[in-house]
């Protein structure tokens, strides 16, 4: 992390659903979050959860850096529960708090690909 960035926590008042499947052959976990247009994977459930958190944090860092966070929140009918950084700020989001629902699927084909 560069000296000119600062760490923040972003709290979003909204909810997202992840569609998740476990590969029956090797036990790996895969998930898709359509509202955020991101995905995650992990060898274990714990690794999958960390991958989800990292994907969300990277998305929000990019939204802030490109000045798109406020428009993104409005588009999803969400609001920030904490003050958001100014557009273009160089930040490292250490955590995004957003309520998450998990929708388990039995097969990869059931993951709705957008």
C-alpha atoms as a PDB file:
ATOM      1  CA  UNK A   1       0.000   0.000   0.000  1.00  0.00           C
ATOM      2  CA  UNK A   2       1.457   3.377  -0.975  1.00  0.00           C
ATOM      3  CA  UNK A   3       2.047   6.133   1.570  1.00  0.00           C
ATOM      4  CA  UNK A   4      -0.612   8.362  -0.008  1.00  0.00           C
ATOM      5  CA  UNK A   5      -3.532   5.983   0.532  1.00  0.00           C
ATOM      6  CA  UNK A   6      -5.647   5.653   3.635  1.00  0.00           C
ATOM      7  CA  UNK A   7      -7.611   2.697   4.940  1.00  0.00           C
ATOM      8  CA  UNK A   8     -11.354   3.010   5.432  1.00  0.00           C
ATOM      9  CA  UNK A   9     -14.392   0.882   6.187  1.00  0.00           C
ATOM     10  CA  UNK A  10     -17.470   1.389   4.020  1.00  0.00           C
ATOM     11  CA  UNK A  11     -20.873   0.451   5.410  1.00  0.00           C
ATOM     12  CA  UNK A  12     -23.662   0.099   2.846  1.00  0.00           C
ATOM     13  CA  UNK A  13     -27.331  -0.011   3.730  1.00  0.00           C
ATOM     14  CA  UNK A  14     -28.565  -2.471   1.139  1.00  0.00           C
ATOM     15  CA  UNK A  15     -28.348  -6.196   0.516  1.00  0.00           C
ATOM     16  CA  UNK A  16     -26.832  -8.437  -2.123  1.00  0.00           C
ATOM     17  CA  UNK A  17     -27.374 -12.099  -2.886  1.00  0.00           C
ATOM     18  CA  UNK A  18     -24.593 -14.466  -3.889  1.00  0.00           C
ATOM     19  CA  UNK A  19     -25.471 -17.601  -5.846  1.00  0.00           C
ATOM     20  CA  UNK A  20     -23.026 -20.253  -4.631  1.00  0.00           C
ATOM     21  CA  UNK A  21     -22.174 -23.791  -5.709  1.00  0.00           C
ATOM     22  CA  UNK A  22     -19.701 -26.371  -4.404  1.00  0.00           C
ATOM     23  CA  UNK A  23     -17.896 -28.452  -7.012  1.00  0.00           C
ATOM     24  CA  UNK A  24     -18.711 -32.075  -6.202  1.00  0.00           C
ATOM     25  CA  UNK A  25     -15.452 -33.299  -7.755  1.00  0.00           C
ATOM     26  CA  UNK A  26     -12.906 -31.258  -5.795  1.00  0.00           C
ATOM     27  CA  UNK A  27     -14.941 -29.454  -3.108  1.00  0.00           C
ATOM     28  CA  UNK A  28     -14.079 -25.928  -4.300  1.00  0.00           C
ATOM     29  CA  UNK A  29     -16.616 -23.136  -3.818  1.00  0.00           C
ATOM     30  CA  UNK A  30     -17.705 -20.727  -6.575  1.00  0.00           C
ATOM     31  CA  UNK A  31     -20.105 -17.824  -6.402  1.00  0.00           C
ATOM     32  CA  UNK A  32     -21.621 -15.050  -8.483  1.00  0.00           C
ATOM     33  CA  UNK A  33     -23.048 -11.768  -7.188  1.00  0.00           C
ATOM     34  CA  UNK A  34     -25.170 -10.281  -9.966  1.00  0.00           C
ATOM     35  CA  UNK A  35     -26.105  -6.994  -8.261  1.00  0.00           C
ATOM     36  CA  UNK A  36     -22.384  -6.151  -8.013  1.00  0.00           C
ATOM     37  CA  UNK A  37     -21.343  -7.980 -11.205  1.00  0.00           C
ATOM     38  CA  UNK A  38     -18.528  -9.863  -9.430  1.00  0.00           C
ATOM     39  CA  UNK A  39     -17.563 -13.444  -8.621  1.00  0.00           C
ATOM     40  CA  UNK A  40     -15.445 -15.327  -6.087  1.00  0.00           C
ATOM     41  CA  UNK A  41     -13.907 -18.755  -5.548  1.00  0.00           C
ATOM     42  CA  UNK A  42     -12.080 -20.662  -2.835  1.00  0.00           C
ATOM     43  CA  UNK A  43     -10.748 -24.101  -1.980  1.00  0.00           C
ATOM     44  CA  UNK A  44     -12.617 -23.938   1.354  1.00  0.00           C
ATOM     45  CA  UNK A  45     -15.675 -22.031   2.573  1.00  0.00           C
ATOM     46  CA  UNK A  46     -13.370 -19.724   4.533  1.00  0.00           C
ATOM     47  CA  UNK A  47     -11.269 -18.976   1.448  1.00  0.00           C
ATOM     48  CA  UNK A  48     -14.459 -18.348  -0.523  1.00  0.00           C
ATOM     49  CA  UNK A  49     -15.669 -15.837   2.085  1.00  0.00           C
ATOM     50  CA  UNK A  50     -12.325 -14.029   1.957  1.00  0.00           C
ATOM     51  CA  UNK A  51     -12.496 -13.974  -1.838  1.00  0.00           C
ATOM     52  CA  UNK A  52     -16.010 -12.459  -1.658  1.00  0.00           C
ATOM     53  CA  UNK A  53     -14.818  -9.734   0.713  1.00  0.00           C
ATOM     54  CA  UNK A  54     -11.790  -8.947  -1.445  1.00  0.00           C
ATOM     55  CA  UNK A  55     -13.873  -8.746  -4.634  1.00  0.00           C
ATOM     56  CA  UNK A  56     -16.338  -6.358  -2.966  1.00  0.00           C
ATOM     57  CA  UNK A  57     -13.535  -4.181  -1.548  1.00  0.00           C
ATOM     58  CA  UNK A  58     -11.790  -3.954  -4.940  1.00  0.00           C
ATOM     59  CA  UNK A  59     -15.060  -2.981  -6.607  1.00  0.00           C
ATOM     60  CA  UNK A  60     -15.689  -0.188  -4.109  1.00  0.00           C
ATOM     61  CA  UNK A  61     -12.087   1.062  -4.330  1.00  0.00           C
ATOM     62  CA  UNK A  62     -12.510   1.349  -8.089  1.00  0.00           C
ATOM     63  CA  UNK A  63     -15.871   3.121  -7.737  1.00  0.00           C
ATOM     64  CA  UNK A  64     -14.327   5.691  -5.390  1.00  0.00           C
ATOM     65  CA  UNK A  65     -11.203   6.163  -7.505  1.00  0.00           C
ATOM     66  CA  UNK A  66     -13.302   6.795 -10.633  1.00  0.00           C
ATOM     67  CA  UNK A  67     -15.827   9.034  -8.861  1.00  0.00           C
ATOM     68  CA  UNK A  68     -18.706   6.599  -9.442  1.00  0.00           C
ATOM     69  CA  UNK A  69     -19.599   5.490  -5.902  1.00  0.00           C
ATOM     70  CA  UNK A  70     -22.501   7.884  -5.291  1.00  0.00           C
ATOM     71  CA  UNK A  71     -24.092   7.098  -8.691  1.00  0.00           C
ATOM     72  CA  UNK A  72     -23.628   3.354  -8.063  1.00  0.00           C
ATOM     73  CA  UNK A  73     -25.359   3.614  -4.684  1.00  0.00           C
ATOM     74  CA  UNK A  74     -28.257   5.609  -6.169  1.00  0.00           C
ATOM     75  CA  UNK A  75     -28.642   3.149  -9.070  1.00  0.00           C
ATOM     76  CA  UNK A  76     -29.066   0.303  -6.562  1.00  0.00           C
ATOM     77  CA  UNK A  77     -31.339   2.331  -4.243  1.00  0.00           C
ATOM     78  CA  UNK A  78     -28.715   2.047  -1.498  1.00  0.00           C
ATOM     79  CA  UNK A  79     -27.087   4.580   0.741  1.00  0.00           C
ATOM     80  CA  UNK A  80     -23.841   4.697   2.623  1.00  0.00           C
ATOM     81  CA  UNK A  81     -24.158   4.160   6.366  1.00  0.00           C
ATOM     82  CA  UNK A  82     -20.799   5.877   6.864  1.00  0.00           C
ATOM     83  CA  UNK A  83     -19.287   8.948   5.199  1.00  0.00           C
ATOM     84  CA  UNK A  84     -17.868   8.128   1.782  1.00  0.00           C
ATOM     85  CA  UNK A  85     -14.504   9.369   0.571  1.00  0.00           C
ATOM     86  CA  UNK A  86     -14.427  12.139  -2.027  1.00  0.00           C
ATOM     87  CA  UNK A  87     -14.394  11.095  -5.695  1.00  0.00           C
ATOM     88  CA  UNK A  88     -10.906  10.297  -6.930  1.00  0.00           C
ATOM     89  CA  UNK A  89      -9.529   9.629  -3.436  1.00  0.00           C
ATOM     90  CA  UNK A  90      -6.655   7.139  -3.237  1.00  0.00           C
ATOM     91  CA  UNK A  91      -7.886   4.667  -0.643  1.00  0.00           C
ATOM     92  CA  UNK A  92      -7.540   1.079   0.471  1.00  0.00           C
ATOM     93  CA  UNK A  93     -10.843  -0.323   1.654  1.00  0.00           C
ATOM     94  CA  UNK A  94     -10.100  -2.772   4.408  1.00  0.00           C
ATOM     95  CA  UNK A  95     -13.703  -3.846   4.812  1.00  0.00           C
ATOM     96  CA  UNK A  96     -17.088  -3.317   3.189  1.00  0.00           C
ATOM     97  CA  UNK A  97     -20.033  -4.018   5.436  1.00  0.00           C
ATOM     98  CA  UNK A  98     -22.994  -4.996   3.300  1.00  0.00           C
ATOM     99  CA  UNK A  99     -25.686  -7.505   4.282  1.00  0.00           C
ATOM    100  CA  UNK A 100     -25.242 -10.640   2.169  1.00  0.00           C
ATOM    101  CA  UNK A 101     -27.603 -13.502   1.463  1.00  0.00           C
ATOM    102  CA  UNK A 102     -26.313 -16.858   0.213  1.00  0.00           C
ATOM    103  CA  UNK A 103     -28.421 -18.816  -2.276  1.00  0.00           C
ATOM    104  CA  UNK A 104     -27.006 -22.348  -2.559  1.00  0.00           C
ATOM    105  CA  UNK A 105     -27.158 -24.094  -5.936  1.00  0.00           C
ATOM    106  CA  UNK A 106     -26.551 -27.761  -6.665  1.00  0.00           C
ATOM    107  CA  UNK A 107     -24.916 -27.383 -10.096  1.00  0.00           C
ATOM    108  CA  UNK A 108     -22.862 -24.807 -11.965  1.00  0.00           C
ATOM    109  CA  UNK A 109     -25.557 -24.584 -14.624  1.00  0.00           C
ATOM    110  CA  UNK A 110     -27.884 -23.135 -11.966  1.00  0.00           C
ATOM    111  CA  UNK A 111     -25.664 -20.076 -11.480  1.00  0.00           C
ATOM    112  CA  UNK A 112     -27.484 -17.433 -13.501  1.00  0.00           C
ATOM    113  CA  UNK A 113     -24.809 -15.888 -15.698  1.00  0.00           C
ATOM    114  CA  UNK A 114     -25.613 -12.307 -16.588  1.00  0.00           C
END
